[in-house]
Amino acid sequence: MEFTITPTTGIPIYQQVTDQICAAVARGHLKPDERLPSVRELSQVLVINPNTVARAYTELEREGVLYSRPGMGVFVAALRAPMPKKARRERILSALDRLLVEAVRLGFGTDELIELIEERVKQFQWNQPAAPVS
């Protein structure tokens, strides 16, 4: 997987790393149990502070996206059981509202937005873990 960092975006570098790892997992480019580069390796490739990579990895471990094996490295975690339906719904509605506000602000029409969403949906992996928790 290739990581790209853009220091001028205003998005913290550790957040850029976490976002790219999450996107790669969602798109199926990173598979469960796949080993990620070590903190040192990734910091050297990206020419960033190792603490920045460590922060990204730690945050993703806390969220259950990654796990570490002492002496072995950091790996992609298997999909975990989903959160309760109500919490999942609230979280996705919040993200959708942000998307819709931005779409309106940019002047997108409903049909154009739906077309873009349908196009993007095809790029993601939609394997479902266990049945949703109610």
C-alpha atoms as a PDB file:
ATOM      1  CA  MET A   1       0.000   0.000   0.000  1.00  0.00           C
ATOM      2  CA  GLU A   2       1.198   3.481  -0.858  1.00  0.00           C
ATOM      3  CA  PHE A   3       0.750   6.282   1.632  1.00  0.00           C
ATOM      4  CA  THR A   4       0.816   9.932   0.635  1.00  0.00           C
ATOM      5  CA  ILE A   5       1.120  12.811   3.045  1.00  0.00           C
ATOM      6  CA  THR A   6       0.203  16.364   2.154  1.00  0.00           C
ATOM      7  CA  PRO A   7       1.425  18.713   4.889  1.00  0.00           C
ATOM      8  CA  THR A   8      -0.399  21.727   3.447  1.00  0.00           C
ATOM      9  CA  THR A   9      -3.978  20.366   3.731  1.00  0.00           C
ATOM     10  CA  GLY A  10      -4.482  21.412   7.336  1.00  0.00           C
ATOM     11  CA  ILE A  11      -5.317  17.810   8.232  1.00  0.00           C
ATOM     12  CA  PRO A  12      -2.918  16.488  10.894  1.00  0.00           C
ATOM     13  CA  ILE A  13      -0.417  14.019   9.460  1.00  0.00           C
ATOM     14  CA  TYR A  14      -1.378  11.230  11.879  1.00  0.00           C
ATOM     15  CA  GLN A  15      -5.005  11.679  10.739  1.00  0.00           C
ATOM     16  CA  GLN A  16      -3.970  11.393   7.089  1.00  0.00           C
ATOM     17  CA  VAL A  17      -2.264   8.080   7.921  1.00  0.00           C
ATOM     18  CA  THR A  18      -5.290   6.755   9.848  1.00  0.00           C
ATOM     19  CA  ASP A  19      -7.695   7.848   7.102  1.00  0.00           C
ATOM     20  CA  GLN A  20      -5.636   6.119   4.411  1.00  0.00           C
ATOM     21  CA  ILE A  21      -5.404   2.881   6.394  1.00  0.00           C
ATOM     22  CA  CYS A  22      -9.171   2.874   7.051  1.00  0.00           C
ATOM     23  CA  ALA A  23      -9.877   3.559   3.367  1.00  0.00           C
ATOM     24  CA  ALA A  24      -7.539   0.742   2.296  1.00  0.00           C
ATOM     25  CA  VAL A  25      -9.303  -1.668   4.659  1.00  0.00           C
ATOM     26  CA  ALA A  26     -12.750  -0.556   3.442  1.00  0.00           C
ATOM     27  CA  ARG A  27     -11.708  -0.974  -0.186  1.00  0.00           C
ATOM     28  CA  GLY A  28     -10.184  -4.395   0.465  1.00  0.00           C
ATOM     29  CA  HIS A  29      -6.626  -3.274  -0.337  1.00  0.00           C
ATOM     30  CA  LEU A  30      -5.578  -4.281   3.176  1.00  0.00           C
ATOM     31  CA  LYS A  31      -6.848  -7.672   4.318  1.00  0.00           C
ATOM     32  CA  PRO A  32      -7.315  -9.035   7.847  1.00  0.00           C
ATOM     33  CA  ASP A  33      -4.042 -10.235   9.382  1.00  0.00           C
ATOM     34  CA  GLU A  34      -1.981  -8.367   6.771  1.00  0.00           C
ATOM     35  CA  ARG A  35       1.158  -6.873   8.297  1.00  0.00           C
ATOM     36  CA  LEU A  36       1.663  -3.121   8.054  1.00  0.00           C
ATOM     37  CA  PRO A  37       5.081  -1.481   7.826  1.00  0.00           C
ATOM     38  CA  SER A  38       6.760  -0.949  11.179  1.00  0.00           C
ATOM     39  CA  VAL A  39       6.625   2.500  12.741  1.00  0.00           C
ATOM     40  CA  ARG A  40      10.243   3.056  11.776  1.00  0.00           C
ATOM     41  CA  GLU A  41       9.784   1.812   8.199  1.00  0.00           C
ATOM     42  CA  LEU A  42       6.721   3.943   7.532  1.00  0.00           C
ATOM     43  CA  SER A  43       8.186   7.050   9.156  1.00  0.00           C
ATOM     44  CA  GLN A  44      11.296   6.726   6.962  1.00  0.00           C
ATOM     45  CA  VAL A  45       9.263   6.230   3.773  1.00  0.00           C
ATOM     46  CA  LEU A  46       7.003   9.199   4.523  1.00  0.00           C
ATOM     47  CA  VAL A  47       9.809  11.286   6.027  1.00  0.00           C
ATOM     48  CA  ILE A  48       7.786  12.017   9.147  1.00  0.00           C
ATOM     49  CA  ASN A  49       8.376  11.651  12.864  1.00  0.00           C
ATOM     50  CA  PRO A  50       8.040   8.043  14.113  1.00  0.00           C
ATOM     51  CA  ASN A  51       5.807   9.321  16.946  1.00  0.00           C
ATOM     52  CA  THR A  52       3.288  10.427  14.299  1.00  0.00           C
ATOM     53  CA  VAL A  53       3.052   6.909  12.861  1.00  0.00           C
ATOM     54  CA  ALA A  54       2.923   5.427  16.367  1.00  0.00           C
ATOM     55  CA  ARG A  55       0.022   7.760  17.216  1.00  0.00           C
ATOM     56  CA  ALA A  56      -1.884   6.695  14.094  1.00  0.00           C
ATOM     57  CA  TYR A  57      -1.308   3.009  14.808  1.00  0.00           C
ATOM     58  CA  THR A  58      -2.283   3.406  18.485  1.00  0.00           C
ATOM     59  CA  GLU A  59      -5.499   5.206  17.586  1.00  0.00           C
ATOM     60  CA  LEU A  60      -6.429   2.513  15.051  1.00  0.00           C
ATOM     61  CA  GLU A  61      -5.674  -0.208  17.592  1.00  0.00           C
ATOM     62  CA  ARG A  62      -7.963   1.517  20.069  1.00  0.00           C
ATOM     63  CA  GLU A  63     -10.702   1.572  17.412  1.00  0.00           C
ATOM     64  CA  GLY A  64     -10.185  -2.122  16.613  1.00  0.00           C
ATOM     65  CA  VAL A  65      -8.934  -1.555  13.058  1.00  0.00           C
ATOM     66  CA  LEU A  66      -5.416  -2.814  13.840  1.00  0.00           C
ATOM     67  CA  TYR A  67      -3.798  -5.085  16.400  1.00  0.00           C
ATOM     68  CA  SER A  68      -0.180  -5.601  17.367  1.00  0.00           C
ATOM     69  CA  ARG A  69       1.821  -8.665  18.200  1.00  0.00           C
ATOM     70  CA  PRO A  70       4.888  -7.889  20.322  1.00  0.00           C
ATOM     71  CA  GLY A  71       8.001  -8.568  18.300  1.00  0.00           C
ATOM     72  CA  MET A  72       5.974  -9.349  15.177  1.00  0.00           C
ATOM     73  CA  GLY A  73       4.475  -6.008  14.146  1.00  0.00           C
ATOM     74  CA  VAL A  74       1.143  -4.330  13.516  1.00  0.00           C
ATOM     75  CA  PHE A  75      -1.607  -6.122  11.597  1.00  0.00           C
ATOM     76  CA  VAL A  76      -5.051  -5.415  10.152  1.00  0.00           C
ATOM     77  CA  ALA A  77      -7.775  -6.710  12.470  1.00  0.00           C
ATOM     78  CA  ALA A  78     -10.654  -8.855  11.254  1.00  0.00           C
ATOM     79  CA  LEU A  79     -14.037  -7.163  11.070  1.00  0.00           C
ATOM     80  CA  ARG A  80     -15.521  -7.009  14.514  1.00  0.00           C
ATOM     81  CA  ALA A  81     -19.130  -7.376  15.546  1.00  0.00           C
ATOM     82  CA  PRO A  82     -21.035  -4.239  14.627  1.00  0.00           C
ATOM     83  CA  MET A  83     -22.163  -1.701  17.190  1.00  0.00           C
ATOM     84  CA  PRO A  84     -25.851  -1.569  18.113  1.00  0.00           C
ATOM     85  CA  LYS A  85     -28.139  -0.604  15.235  1.00  0.00           C
ATOM     86  CA  LYS A  86     -29.201   2.701  16.824  1.00  0.00           C
ATOM     87  CA  ALA A  87     -25.590   3.831  17.385  1.00  0.00           C
ATOM     88  CA  ARG A  88     -24.578   2.758  13.862  1.00  0.00           C
ATOM     89  CA  ARG A  89     -27.529   4.649  12.411  1.00  0.00           C
ATOM     90  CA  GLU A  90     -26.763   7.838  14.373  1.00  0.00           C
ATOM     91  CA  ARG A  91     -23.112   7.747  13.352  1.00  0.00           C
ATOM     92  CA  ILE A  92     -23.819   7.268   9.649  1.00  0.00           C
ATOM     93  CA  LEU A  93     -26.599   9.887   9.663  1.00  0.00           C
ATOM     94  CA  SER A  94     -24.165  12.395  11.113  1.00  0.00           C
ATOM     95  CA  ALA A  95     -21.647  11.622   8.355  1.00  0.00           C
ATOM     96  CA  LEU A  96     -24.400  11.800   5.714  1.00  0.00           C
ATOM     97  CA  ASP A  97     -25.534  15.182   6.991  1.00  0.00           C
ATOM     98  CA  ARG A  98     -21.971  16.523   6.647  1.00  0.00           C
ATOM     99  CA  LEU A  99     -21.813  15.135   3.099  1.00  0.00           C
ATOM    100  CA  LEU A 100     -25.172  16.624   2.150  1.00  0.00           C
ATOM    101  CA  VAL A 101     -24.307  20.044   3.582  1.00  0.00           C
ATOM    102  CA  GLU A 102     -21.110  20.060   1.527  1.00  0.00           C
ATOM    103  CA  ALA A 103     -22.948  18.871  -1.602  1.00  0.00           C
ATOM    104  CA  VAL A 104     -25.530  21.645  -1.283  1.00  0.00           C
ATOM    105  CA  ARG A 105     -22.780  24.195  -0.617  1.00  0.00           C
ATOM    106  CA  LEU A 106     -20.974  23.082  -3.784  1.00  0.00           C
ATOM    107  CA  GLY A 107     -24.142  23.214  -5.875  1.00  0.00           C
ATOM    108  CA  PHE A 108     -24.653  19.502  -6.575  1.00  0.00           C
ATOM    109  CA  GLY A 109     -28.088  18.356  -7.682  1.00  0.00           C
ATOM    110  CA  THR A 110     -29.704  15.268  -6.191  1.00  0.00           C
ATOM    111  CA  ASP A 111     -29.249  13.154  -9.335  1.00  0.00           C
ATOM    112  CA  GLU A 112     -25.600  14.160  -9.702  1.00  0.00           C
ATOM    113  CA  LEU A 113     -24.873  13.318  -6.059  1.00  0.00           C
ATOM    114  CA  ILE A 114     -26.628   9.945  -6.262  1.00  0.00           C
ATOM    115  CA  GLU A 115     -24.674   9.122  -9.425  1.00  0.00           C
ATOM    116  CA  LEU A 116     -21.394   9.934  -7.655  1.00  0.00           C
ATOM    117  CA  ILE A 117     -22.350   7.824  -4.655  1.00  0.00           C
ATOM    118  CA  GLU A 118     -23.314   4.853  -6.831  1.00  0.00           C
ATOM    119  CA  GLU A 119     -19.990   5.174  -8.654  1.00  0.00           C
ATOM    120  CA  ARG A 120     -18.018   5.211  -5.399  1.00  0.00           C
ATOM    121  CA  VAL A 121     -19.956   2.380  -3.750  1.00  0.00           C
ATOM    122  CA  LYS A 122     -18.487   0.007  -6.331  1.00  0.00           C
ATOM    123  CA  GLN A 123     -14.969   0.743  -5.029  1.00  0.00           C
ATOM    124  CA  PHE A 124     -15.637  -0.599  -1.550  1.00  0.00           C
ATOM    125  CA  GLN A 125     -15.789  -4.045  -0.056  1.00  0.00           C
ATOM    126  CA  TRP A 126     -19.192  -4.759   1.458  1.00  0.00           C
ATOM    127  CA  ASN A 127     -18.611  -8.092   3.220  1.00  0.00           C
ATOM    128  CA  GLN A 128     -20.854  -8.216   6.246  1.00  0.00           C
ATOM    129  CA  PRO A 129     -19.636  -9.762   9.524  1.00  0.00           C
ATOM    130  CA  ALA A 130     -22.191 -11.151  11.959  1.00  0.00           C
ATOM    131  CA  ALA A 131     -25.809 -10.017  11.948  1.00  0.00           C
ATOM    132  CA  PRO A 132     -26.279  -6.471  13.281  1.00  0.00           C
ATOM    133  CA  VAL A 133     -26.896  -6.001  16.972  1.00  0.00           C
ATOM    134  CA  SER A 134     -30.286  -4.409  17.705  1.00  0.00           C
END
